[in-house]
Amino acid sequence: MAREYKSGTFCKDIECPQHAALEGLEGDAYLAKKKVHCKNCYAWRFFMWLQDRKWRIVYTMPEISNKKLAAMIKGIDPVKVEDLTEDEILCL
């Protein structure tokens, strides 16, 4: 399930004492103040480093079997094709 990132989520999760100064700000105003206010924060510096290099943080899903993945790709319930191989599932 994908969730959209909301500004300040990490700061709130770690209970950053500096985040109070940013409460109530949104969008560009939030980012402009954050760049100045949090310039020494290692989490913020890492986030900016990622952004400057056009990297993204991706939430990974738990490992699933090749057979289940093949069934999901084809839109089939994996339980209904549990006796088939991956190739057979993909040929359906």
PDB file of N, CA and C in Angstrom:
ATOM      1  N   MET A   1       0.835  -1.161   0.000  1.00  0.00           N
ATOM      2  CA  MET A   1       0.000   0.000   0.000  1.00  0.00           C
ATOM      3  C   MET A   1       0.894   1.244   0.000  1.00  0.00           C
ATOM      4  N   ALA A   2       0.762   2.069  -0.984  1.00  0.00           N
ATOM      5  CA  ALA A   2       1.577   3.275  -1.089  1.00  0.00           C
ATOM      6  C   ALA A   2       0.955   4.393  -0.266  1.00  0.00           C
ATOM      7  N   ARG A   3       1.798   5.139   0.414  1.00  0.00           N
ATOM      8  CA  ARG A   3       1.339   6.294   1.168  1.00  0.00           C
ATOM      9  C   ARG A   3       2.144   7.500   0.709  1.00  0.00           C
ATOM     10  N   GLU A   4       1.498   8.630   0.656  1.00  0.00           N
ATOM     11  CA  GLU A   4       2.173   9.857   0.271  1.00  0.00           C
ATOM     12  C   GLU A   4       2.915  10.413   1.483  1.00  0.00           C
ATOM     13  N   TYR A   5       4.147  10.847   1.249  1.00  0.00           N
ATOM     14  CA  TYR A   5       4.942  11.433   2.332  1.00  0.00           C
ATOM     15  C   TYR A   5       4.380  12.797   2.701  1.00  0.00           C
ATOM     16  N   LYS A   6       4.284  13.066   3.964  1.00  0.00           N
ATOM     17  CA  LYS A   6       3.846  14.377   4.452  1.00  0.00           C
ATOM     18  C   LYS A   6       5.024  15.035   5.144  1.00  0.00           C
ATOM     19  N   SER A   7       5.255  16.303   4.856  1.00  0.00           N
ATOM     20  CA  SER A   7       6.370  17.039   5.434  1.00  0.00           C
ATOM     21  C   SER A   7       6.363  16.931   6.953  1.00  0.00           C
ATOM     22  N   GLY A   8       7.534  16.675   7.504  1.00  0.00           N
ATOM     23  CA  GLY A   8       7.680  16.603   8.955  1.00  0.00           C
ATOM     24  C   GLY A   8       7.437  15.244   9.560  1.00  0.00           C
ATOM     25  N   THR A   9       7.082  14.254   8.762  1.00  0.00           N
ATOM     26  CA  THR A   9       6.783  12.927   9.293  1.00  0.00           C
ATOM     27  C   THR A   9       7.949  12.370  10.093  1.00  0.00           C
ATOM     28  N   PHE A  10       9.144  12.410   9.504  1.00  0.00           N
ATOM     29  CA  PHE A  10      10.326  11.872  10.184  1.00  0.00           C
ATOM     30  C   PHE A  10      10.597  12.654  11.463  1.00  0.00           C
ATOM     31  N   CYS A  11      10.532  13.981  11.376  1.00  0.00           N
ATOM     32  CA  CYS A  11      10.791  14.837  12.544  1.00  0.00           C
ATOM     33  C   CYS A  11       9.842  14.504  13.687  1.00  0.00           C
ATOM     34  N   LYS A  12       8.582  14.303  13.355  1.00  0.00           N
ATOM     35  CA  LYS A  12       7.592  13.969  14.389  1.00  0.00           C
ATOM     36  C   LYS A  12       7.860  12.584  14.965  1.00  0.00           C
ATOM     37  N   ASP A  13       8.235  11.642  14.110  1.00  0.00           N
ATOM     38  CA  ASP A  13       8.495  10.277  14.573  1.00  0.00           C
ATOM     39  C   ASP A  13       9.654  10.218  15.561  1.00  0.00           C
ATOM     40  N   ILE A  14      10.688  11.029  15.338  1.00  0.00           N
ATOM     41  CA  ILE A  14      11.833  11.016  16.253  1.00  0.00           C
ATOM     42  C   ILE A  14      11.704  12.074  17.340  1.00  0.00           C
ATOM     43  N   GLU A  15      10.572  12.776  17.341  1.00  0.00           N
ATOM     44  CA  GLU A  15      10.291  13.816  18.324  1.00  0.00           C
ATOM     45  C   GLU A  15      11.398  14.869  18.369  1.00  0.00           C
ATOM     46  N   CYS A  16      11.742  15.389  17.210  1.00  0.00           N
ATOM     47  CA  CYS A  16      12.778  16.420  17.080  1.00  0.00           C
ATOM     48  C   CYS A  16      12.313  17.703  17.786  1.00  0.00           C
ATOM     49  N   PRO A  17      13.103  18.215  18.720  1.00  0.00           N
ATOM     50  CA  PRO A  17      12.687  19.416  19.455  1.00  0.00           C
ATOM     51  C   PRO A  17      12.650  20.670  18.580  1.00  0.00           C
ATOM     52  N   GLN A  18      13.360  20.663  17.444  1.00  0.00           N
ATOM     53  CA  GLN A  18      13.398  21.832  16.566  1.00  0.00           C
ATOM     54  C   GLN A  18      12.186  21.922  15.653  1.00  0.00           C
ATOM     55  N   HIS A  19      11.414  20.845  15.563  1.00  0.00           N
ATOM     56  CA  HIS A  19      10.312  20.820  14.596  1.00  0.00           C
ATOM     57  C   HIS A  19       9.169  21.762  14.969  1.00  0.00           C
ATOM     58  N   ALA A  20       9.067  22.125  16.218  1.00  0.00           N
ATOM     59  CA  ALA A  20       7.981  23.004  16.672  1.00  0.00           C
ATOM     60  C   ALA A  20       7.966  24.322  15.900  1.00  0.00           C
ATOM     61  N   ALA A  21       9.146  24.829  15.526  1.00  0.00           N
ATOM     62  CA  ALA A  21       9.235  26.091  14.789  1.00  0.00           C
ATOM     63  C   ALA A  21       8.671  25.975  13.370  1.00  0.00           C
ATOM     64  N   LEU A  22       8.505  24.756  12.893  1.00  0.00           N
ATOM     65  CA  LEU A  22       8.028  24.538  11.524  1.00  0.00           C
ATOM     66  C   LEU A  22       6.549  24.171  11.456  1.00  0.00           C
ATOM     67  N   GLU A  23       5.944  23.910  12.617  1.00  0.00           N
ATOM     68  CA  GLU A  23       4.525  23.534  12.646  1.00  0.00           C
ATOM     69  C   GLU A  23       3.673  24.625  12.000  1.00  0.00           C
ATOM     70  N   GLY A  24       2.685  24.203  11.247  1.00  0.00           N
ATOM     71  CA  GLY A  24       1.764  25.151  10.609  1.00  0.00           C
ATOM     72  C   GLY A  24       2.215  25.606   9.228  1.00  0.00           C
ATOM     73  N   LEU A  25       3.466  25.360   8.886  1.00  0.00           N
ATOM     74  CA  LEU A  25       3.947  25.732   7.552  1.00  0.00           C
ATOM     75  C   LEU A  25       3.703  24.581   6.586  1.00  0.00           C
ATOM     76  N   GLU A  26       3.503  24.922   5.326  1.00  0.00           N
ATOM     77  CA  GLU A  26       3.279  23.893   4.298  1.00  0.00           C
ATOM     78  C   GLU A  26       4.000  24.271   3.021  1.00  0.00           C
ATOM     79  N   GLY A  27       4.215  23.284   2.172  1.00  0.00           N
ATOM     80  CA  GLY A  27       4.746  23.501   0.833  1.00  0.00           C
ATOM     81  C   GLY A  27       6.069  24.231   0.810  1.00  0.00           C
ATOM     82  N   ASP A  28       6.157  25.240  -0.077  1.00  0.00           N
ATOM     83  CA  ASP A  28       7.408  25.972  -0.284  1.00  0.00           C
ATOM     84  C   ASP A  28       7.842  26.736   0.972  1.00  0.00           C
ATOM     85  N   ALA A  29       6.896  27.255   1.728  1.00  0.00           N
ATOM     86  CA  ALA A  29       7.232  27.979   2.960  1.00  0.00           C
ATOM     87  C   ALA A  29       7.896  27.034   3.961  1.00  0.00           C
ATOM     88  N   TYR A  30       7.374  25.813   4.054  1.00  0.00           N
ATOM     89  CA  TYR A  30       7.943  24.810   4.950  1.00  0.00           C
ATOM     90  C   TYR A  30       9.367  24.471   4.517  1.00  0.00           C
ATOM     91  N   LEU A  31       9.551  24.199   3.220  1.00  0.00           N
ATOM     92  CA  LEU A  31      10.873  23.817   2.723  1.00  0.00           C
ATOM     93  C   LEU A  31      11.881  24.948   2.863  1.00  0.00           C
ATOM     94  N   ALA A  32      11.467  26.178   2.597  1.00  0.00           N
ATOM     95  CA  ALA A  32      12.376  27.317   2.704  1.00  0.00           C
ATOM     96  C   ALA A  32      12.861  27.480   4.155  1.00  0.00           C
ATOM     97  N   LYS A  33      11.942  27.405   5.107  1.00  0.00           N
ATOM     98  CA  LYS A  33      12.330  27.542   6.513  1.00  0.00           C
ATOM     99  C   LYS A  33      13.157  26.339   6.960  1.00  0.00           C
ATOM    100  N   LYS A  34      12.790  25.152   6.491  1.00  0.00           N
ATOM    101  CA  LYS A  34      13.496  23.928   6.876  1.00  0.00           C
ATOM    102  C   LYS A  34      14.946  23.968   6.403  1.00  0.00           C
ATOM    103  N   LYS A  35      15.192  24.473   5.185  1.00  0.00           N
ATOM    104  CA  LYS A  35      16.560  24.539   4.656  1.00  0.00           C
ATOM    105  C   LYS A  35      17.470  25.374   5.543  1.00  0.00           C
ATOM    106  N   VAL A  36      16.927  26.400   6.165  1.00  0.00           N
ATOM    107  CA  VAL A  36      17.713  27.259   7.054  1.00  0.00           C
ATOM    108  C   VAL A  36      17.723  26.692   8.474  1.00  0.00           C
ATOM    109  N   HIS A  37      16.552  26.367   8.974  1.00  0.00           N
ATOM    110  CA  HIS A  37      16.380  25.937  10.355  1.00  0.00           C
ATOM    111  C   HIS A  37      17.053  24.589  10.649  1.00  0.00           C
ATOM    112  N   CYS A  38      17.038  23.685   9.690  1.00  0.00           N
ATOM    113  CA  CYS A  38      17.539  22.319   9.913  1.00  0.00           C
ATOM    114  C   CYS A  38      18.821  22.022   9.135  1.00  0.00           C
ATOM    115  N   LYS A  39      19.563  23.061   8.764  1.00  0.00           N
ATOM    116  CA  LYS A  39      20.738  22.852   7.904  1.00  0.00           C
ATOM    117  C   LYS A  39      21.796  21.963   8.546  1.00  0.00           C
ATOM    118  N   ASN A  40      21.839  21.838   9.861  1.00  0.00           N
ATOM    119  CA  ASN A  40      22.825  20.996  10.539  1.00  0.00           C
ATOM    120  C   ASN A  40      22.290  19.622  10.926  1.00  0.00           C
ATOM    121  N   CYS A  41      21.038  19.363  10.634  1.00  0.00           N
ATOM    122  CA  CYS A  41      20.423  18.072  10.960  1.00  0.00           C
ATOM    123  C   CYS A  41      20.893  17.025   9.945  1.00  0.00           C
ATOM    124  N   TYR A  42      21.473  15.949  10.439  1.00  0.00           N
ATOM    125  CA  TYR A  42      21.994  14.920   9.535  1.00  0.00           C
ATOM    126  C   TYR A  42      20.898  14.249   8.718  1.00  0.00           C
ATOM    127  N   ALA A  43      19.721  14.059   9.293  1.00  0.00           N
ATOM    128  CA  ALA A  43      18.616  13.460   8.538  1.00  0.00           C
ATOM    129  C   ALA A  43      18.222  14.367   7.373  1.00  0.00           C
ATOM    130  N   TRP A  44      18.125  15.679   7.634  1.00  0.00           N
ATOM    131  CA  TRP A  44      17.768  16.629   6.576  1.00  0.00           C
ATOM    132  C   TRP A  44      18.870  16.701   5.524  1.00  0.00           C
ATOM    133  N   ARG A  45      20.122  16.718   5.971  1.00  0.00           N
ATOM    134  CA  ARG A  45      21.245  16.776   5.021  1.00  0.00           C
ATOM    135  C   ARG A  45      21.256  15.538   4.129  1.00  0.00           C
ATOM    136  N   PHE A  46      20.937  14.368   4.692  1.00  0.00           N
ATOM    137  CA  PHE A  46      20.861  13.146   3.903  1.00  0.00           C
ATOM    138  C   PHE A  46      19.719  13.234   2.894  1.00  0.00           C
ATOM    139  N   PHE A  47      18.567  13.732   3.341  1.00  0.00           N
ATOM    140  CA  PHE A  47      17.426  13.905   2.441  1.00  0.00           C
ATOM    141  C   PHE A  47      17.796  14.826   1.283  1.00  0.00           C
ATOM    142  N   MET A  48      18.474  15.934   1.571  1.00  0.00           N
ATOM    143  CA  MET A  48      18.877  16.875   0.527  1.00  0.00           C
ATOM    144  C   MET A  48      19.910  16.249  -0.409  1.00  0.00           C
ATOM    145  N   TRP A  49      20.816  15.450   0.135  1.00  0.00           N
ATOM    146  CA  TRP A  49      21.820  14.757  -0.672  1.00  0.00           C
ATOM    147  C   TRP A  49      21.124  13.823  -1.667  1.00  0.00           C
ATOM    148  N   LEU A  50      20.127  13.089  -1.174  1.00  0.00           N
ATOM    149  CA  LEU A  50      19.365  12.204  -2.053  1.00  0.00           C
ATOM    150  C   LEU A  50      18.666  12.999  -3.153  1.00  0.00           C
ATOM    151  N   GLN A  51      18.041  14.100  -2.774  1.00  0.00           N
ATOM    152  CA  GLN A  51      17.299  14.920  -3.733  1.00  0.00           C
ATOM    153  C   GLN A  51      18.232  15.529  -4.782  1.00  0.00           C
ATOM    154  N   ASP A  52      19.388  16.007  -4.370  1.00  0.00           N
ATOM    155  CA  ASP A  52      20.348  16.605  -5.300  1.00  0.00           C
ATOM    156  C   ASP A  52      20.841  15.606  -6.336  1.00  0.00           C
ATOM    157  N   ARG A  53      20.911  14.352  -5.954  1.00  0.00           N
ATOM    158  CA  ARG A  53      21.405  13.306  -6.863  1.00  0.00           C
ATOM    159  C   ARG A  53      20.276  12.535  -7.535  1.00  0.00           C
ATOM    160  N   LYS A  54      19.044  13.024  -7.331  1.00  0.00           N
ATOM    161  CA  LYS A  54      17.850  12.435  -7.931  1.00  0.00           C
ATOM    162  C   LYS A  54      17.659  10.969  -7.521  1.00  0.00           C
ATOM    163  N   TRP A  55      17.977  10.655  -6.277  1.00  0.00           N
ATOM    164  CA  TRP A  55      17.736   9.340  -5.708  1.00  0.00           C
ATOM    165  C   TRP A  55      16.390   9.367  -5.019  1.00  0.00           C
ATOM    166  N   ARG A  56      15.789   8.191  -4.859  1.00  0.00           N
ATOM    167  CA  ARG A  56      14.522   8.060  -4.148  1.00  0.00           C
ATOM    168  C   ARG A  56      14.644   6.975  -3.101  1.00  0.00           C
ATOM    169  N   ILE A  57      13.937   7.146  -2.010  1.00  0.00           N
ATOM    170  CA  ILE A  57      13.836   6.091  -1.008  1.00  0.00           C
ATOM    171  C   ILE A  57      12.580   5.307  -1.336  1.00  0.00           C
ATOM    172  N   VAL A  58      12.729   4.013  -1.505  1.00  0.00           N
ATOM    173  CA  VAL A  58      11.612   3.162  -1.907  1.00  0.00           C
ATOM    174  C   VAL A  58      11.301   2.188  -0.782  1.00  0.00           C
ATOM    175  N   TYR A  59      10.054   2.097  -0.443  1.00  0.00           N
ATOM    176  CA  TYR A  59       9.606   1.146   0.560  1.00  0.00           C
ATOM    177  C   TYR A  59       9.586  -0.235  -0.074  1.00  0.00           C
ATOM    178  N   THR A  60      10.296  -1.184   0.501  1.00  0.00           N
ATOM    179  CA  THR A  60      10.343  -2.529  -0.068  1.00  0.00           C
ATOM    180  C   THR A  60       9.245  -3.396   0.519  1.00  0.00           C
ATOM    181  N   MET A  61       8.786  -4.309  -0.276  1.00  0.00           N
ATOM    182  CA  MET A  61       7.773  -5.264   0.151  1.00  0.00           C
ATOM    183  C   MET A  61       8.472  -6.542   0.612  1.00  0.00           C
ATOM    184  N   PRO A  62       7.829  -7.314   1.459  1.00  0.00           N
ATOM    185  CA  PRO A  62       8.413  -8.592   1.883  1.00  0.00           C
ATOM    186  C   PRO A  62       8.620  -9.504   0.671  1.00  0.00           C
ATOM    187  N   GLU A  63       9.603 -10.361   0.766  1.00  0.00           N
ATOM    188  CA  GLU A  63       9.880 -11.305  -0.318  1.00  0.00           C
ATOM    189  C   GLU A  63       8.671 -12.191  -0.591  1.00  0.00           C
ATOM    190  N   ILE A  64       8.362 -12.396  -1.865  1.00  0.00           N
ATOM    191  CA  ILE A  64       7.303 -13.327  -2.229  1.00  0.00           C
ATOM    192  C   ILE A  64       7.871 -14.303  -3.244  1.00  0.00           C
ATOM    193  N   SER A  65       7.280 -15.454  -3.337  1.00  0.00           N
ATOM    194  CA  SER A  65       7.793 -16.486  -4.233  1.00  0.00           C
ATOM    195  C   SER A  65       7.574 -16.087  -5.692  1.00  0.00           C
ATOM    196  N   ASN A  66       8.379 -16.671  -6.562  1.00  0.00           N
ATOM    197  CA  ASN A  66       8.245 -16.419  -8.004  1.00  0.00           C
ATOM    198  C   ASN A  66       6.871 -16.843  -8.504  1.00  0.00           C
ATOM    199  N   LYS A  67       6.376 -17.941  -7.967  1.00  0.00           N
ATOM    200  CA  LYS A  67       5.080 -18.464  -8.395  1.00  0.00           C
ATOM    201  C   LYS A  67       3.962 -17.475  -8.025  1.00  0.00           C
ATOM    202  N   LYS A  68       4.005 -16.956  -6.801  1.00  0.00           N
ATOM    203  CA  LYS A  68       2.988 -16.004  -6.369  1.00  0.00           C
ATOM    204  C   LYS A  68       3.093 -14.714  -7.185  1.00  0.00           C
ATOM    205  N   LEU A  69       4.321 -14.263  -7.461  1.00  0.00           N
ATOM    206  CA  LEU A  69       4.524 -13.069  -8.270  1.00  0.00           C
ATOM    207  C   LEU A  69       3.967 -13.266  -9.679  1.00  0.00           C
ATOM    208  N   ALA A  70       4.215 -14.426 -10.276  1.00  0.00           N
ATOM    209  CA  ALA A  70       3.688 -14.718 -11.617  1.00  0.00           C
ATOM    210  C   ALA A  70       2.164 -14.665 -11.614  1.00  0.00           C
ATOM    211  N   ALA A  71       1.554 -15.240 -10.591  1.00  0.00           N
ATOM    212  CA  ALA A  71       0.086 -15.224 -10.496  1.00  0.00           C
ATOM    213  C   ALA A  71      -0.421 -13.789 -10.340  1.00  0.00           C
ATOM    214  N   MET A  72       0.262 -12.990  -9.539  1.00  0.00           N
ATOM    215  CA  MET A  72      -0.154 -11.611  -9.338  1.00  0.00           C
ATOM    216  C   MET A  72      -0.024 -10.805 -10.636  1.00  0.00           C
ATOM    217  N   ILE A  73       1.038 -11.051 -11.379  1.00  0.00           N
ATOM    218  CA  ILE A  73       1.236 -10.356 -12.660  1.00  0.00           C
ATOM    219  C   ILE A  73       0.086 -10.664 -13.618  1.00  0.00           C
ATOM    220  N   LYS A  74      -0.341 -11.900 -13.620  1.00  0.00           N
ATOM    221  CA  LYS A  74      -1.427 -12.311 -14.516  1.00  0.00           C
ATOM    222  C   LYS A  74      -2.805 -11.997 -13.940  1.00  0.00           C
ATOM    223  N   GLY A  75      -2.873 -11.530 -12.705  1.00  0.00           N
ATOM    224  CA  GLY A  75      -4.157 -11.191 -12.092  1.00  0.00           C
ATOM    225  C   GLY A  75      -4.950 -12.409 -11.641  1.00  0.00           C
ATOM    226  N   ILE A  76      -4.217 -13.462 -11.273  1.00  0.00           N
ATOM    227  CA  ILE A  76      -4.855 -14.720 -10.870  1.00  0.00           C
ATOM    228  C   ILE A  76      -4.630 -14.930  -9.372  1.00  0.00           C
ATOM    229  N   ASP A  77      -5.605 -15.501  -8.703  1.00  0.00           N
ATOM    230  CA  ASP A  77      -5.456 -15.849  -7.292  1.00  0.00           C
ATOM    231  C   ASP A  77      -4.374 -16.923  -7.185  1.00  0.00           C
ATOM    232  N   PRO A  78      -3.282 -16.678  -6.443  1.00  0.00           N
ATOM    233  CA  PRO A  78      -2.188 -17.655  -6.337  1.00  0.00           C
ATOM    234  C   PRO A  78      -2.623 -19.018  -5.814  1.00  0.00           C
ATOM    235  N   VAL A  79      -3.656 -19.068  -4.993  1.00  0.00           N
ATOM    236  CA  VAL A  79      -4.139 -20.346  -4.455  1.00  0.00           C
ATOM    237  C   VAL A  79      -4.716 -21.224  -5.564  1.00  0.00           C
ATOM    238  N   LYS A  80      -5.364 -20.598  -6.553  1.00  0.00           N
ATOM    239  CA  LYS A  80      -5.997 -21.361  -7.637  1.00  0.00           C
ATOM    240  C   LYS A  80      -4.983 -21.991  -8.587  1.00  0.00           C
ATOM    241  N   VAL A  81      -3.755 -21.490  -8.600  1.00  0.00           N
ATOM    242  CA  VAL A  81      -2.747 -22.016  -9.538  1.00  0.00           C
ATOM    243  C   VAL A  81      -1.533 -22.577  -8.804  1.00  0.00           C
ATOM    244  N   GLU A  82      -1.728 -23.001  -7.555  1.00  0.00           N
ATOM    245  CA  GLU A  82      -0.596 -23.469  -6.761  1.00  0.00           C
ATOM    246  C   GLU A  82       0.050 -24.745  -7.308  1.00  0.00           C
ATOM    247  N   ASP A  83      -0.674 -25.507  -8.129  1.00  0.00           N
ATOM    248  CA  ASP A  83      -0.109 -26.731  -8.693  1.00  0.00           C
ATOM    249  C   ASP A  83       0.554 -26.506 -10.052  1.00  0.00           C
ATOM    250  N   LEU A  84       0.585 -25.269 -10.540  1.00  0.00           N
ATOM    251  CA  LEU A  84       1.220 -24.950 -11.815  1.00  0.00           C
ATOM    252  C   LEU A  84       2.617 -24.369 -11.594  1.00  0.00           C
ATOM    253  N   THR A  85       3.465 -24.438 -12.625  1.00  0.00           N
ATOM    254  CA  THR A  85       4.793 -23.822 -12.551  1.00  0.00           C
ATOM    255  C   THR A  85       4.672 -22.346 -12.918  1.00  0.00           C
ATOM    256  N   GLU A  86       5.761 -21.595 -12.704  1.00  0.00           N
ATOM    257  CA  GLU A  86       5.749 -20.174 -13.066  1.00  0.00           C
ATOM    258  C   GLU A  86       5.492 -19.987 -14.561  1.00  0.00           C
ATOM    259  N   ASP A  87       6.139 -20.819 -15.384  1.00  0.00           N
ATOM    260  CA  ASP A  87       5.957 -20.710 -16.833  1.00  0.00           C
ATOM    261  C   ASP A  87       4.523 -20.995 -17.238  1.00  0.00           C
ATOM    262  N   GLU A  88       3.905 -22.003 -16.637  1.00  0.00           N
ATOM    263  CA  GLU A  88       2.524 -22.317 -16.947  1.00  0.00           C
ATOM    264  C   GLU A  88       1.586 -21.186 -16.553  1.00  0.00           C
ATOM    265  N   ILE A  89       1.857 -20.567 -15.416  1.00  0.00           N
ATOM    266  CA  ILE A  89       1.035 -19.446 -14.967  1.00  0.00           C
ATOM    267  C   ILE A  89       1.159 -18.286 -15.942  1.00  0.00           C
ATOM    268  N   LEU A  90       2.369 -17.974 -16.355  1.00  0.00           N
ATOM    269  CA  LEU A  90       2.593 -16.852 -17.273  1.00  0.00           C
ATOM    270  C   LEU A  90       2.022 -17.101 -18.658  1.00  0.00           C
ATOM    271  N   CYS A  91       1.830 -18.365 -19.022  1.00  0.00           N
ATOM    272  CA  CYS A  91       1.239 -18.697 -20.334  1.00  0.00           C
ATOM    273  C   CYS A  91      -0.271 -18.628 -20.330  1.00  0.00           C
ATOM    274  N   LEU A  92      -0.882 -18.513 -19.186  1.00  0.00           N
ATOM    275  CA  LEU A  92      -2.354 -18.453 -19.122  1.00  0.00           C
ATOM    276  C   LEU A  92      -2.879 -17.195 -19.745  1.00  0.00           C
TER     277      LEU A  92
END
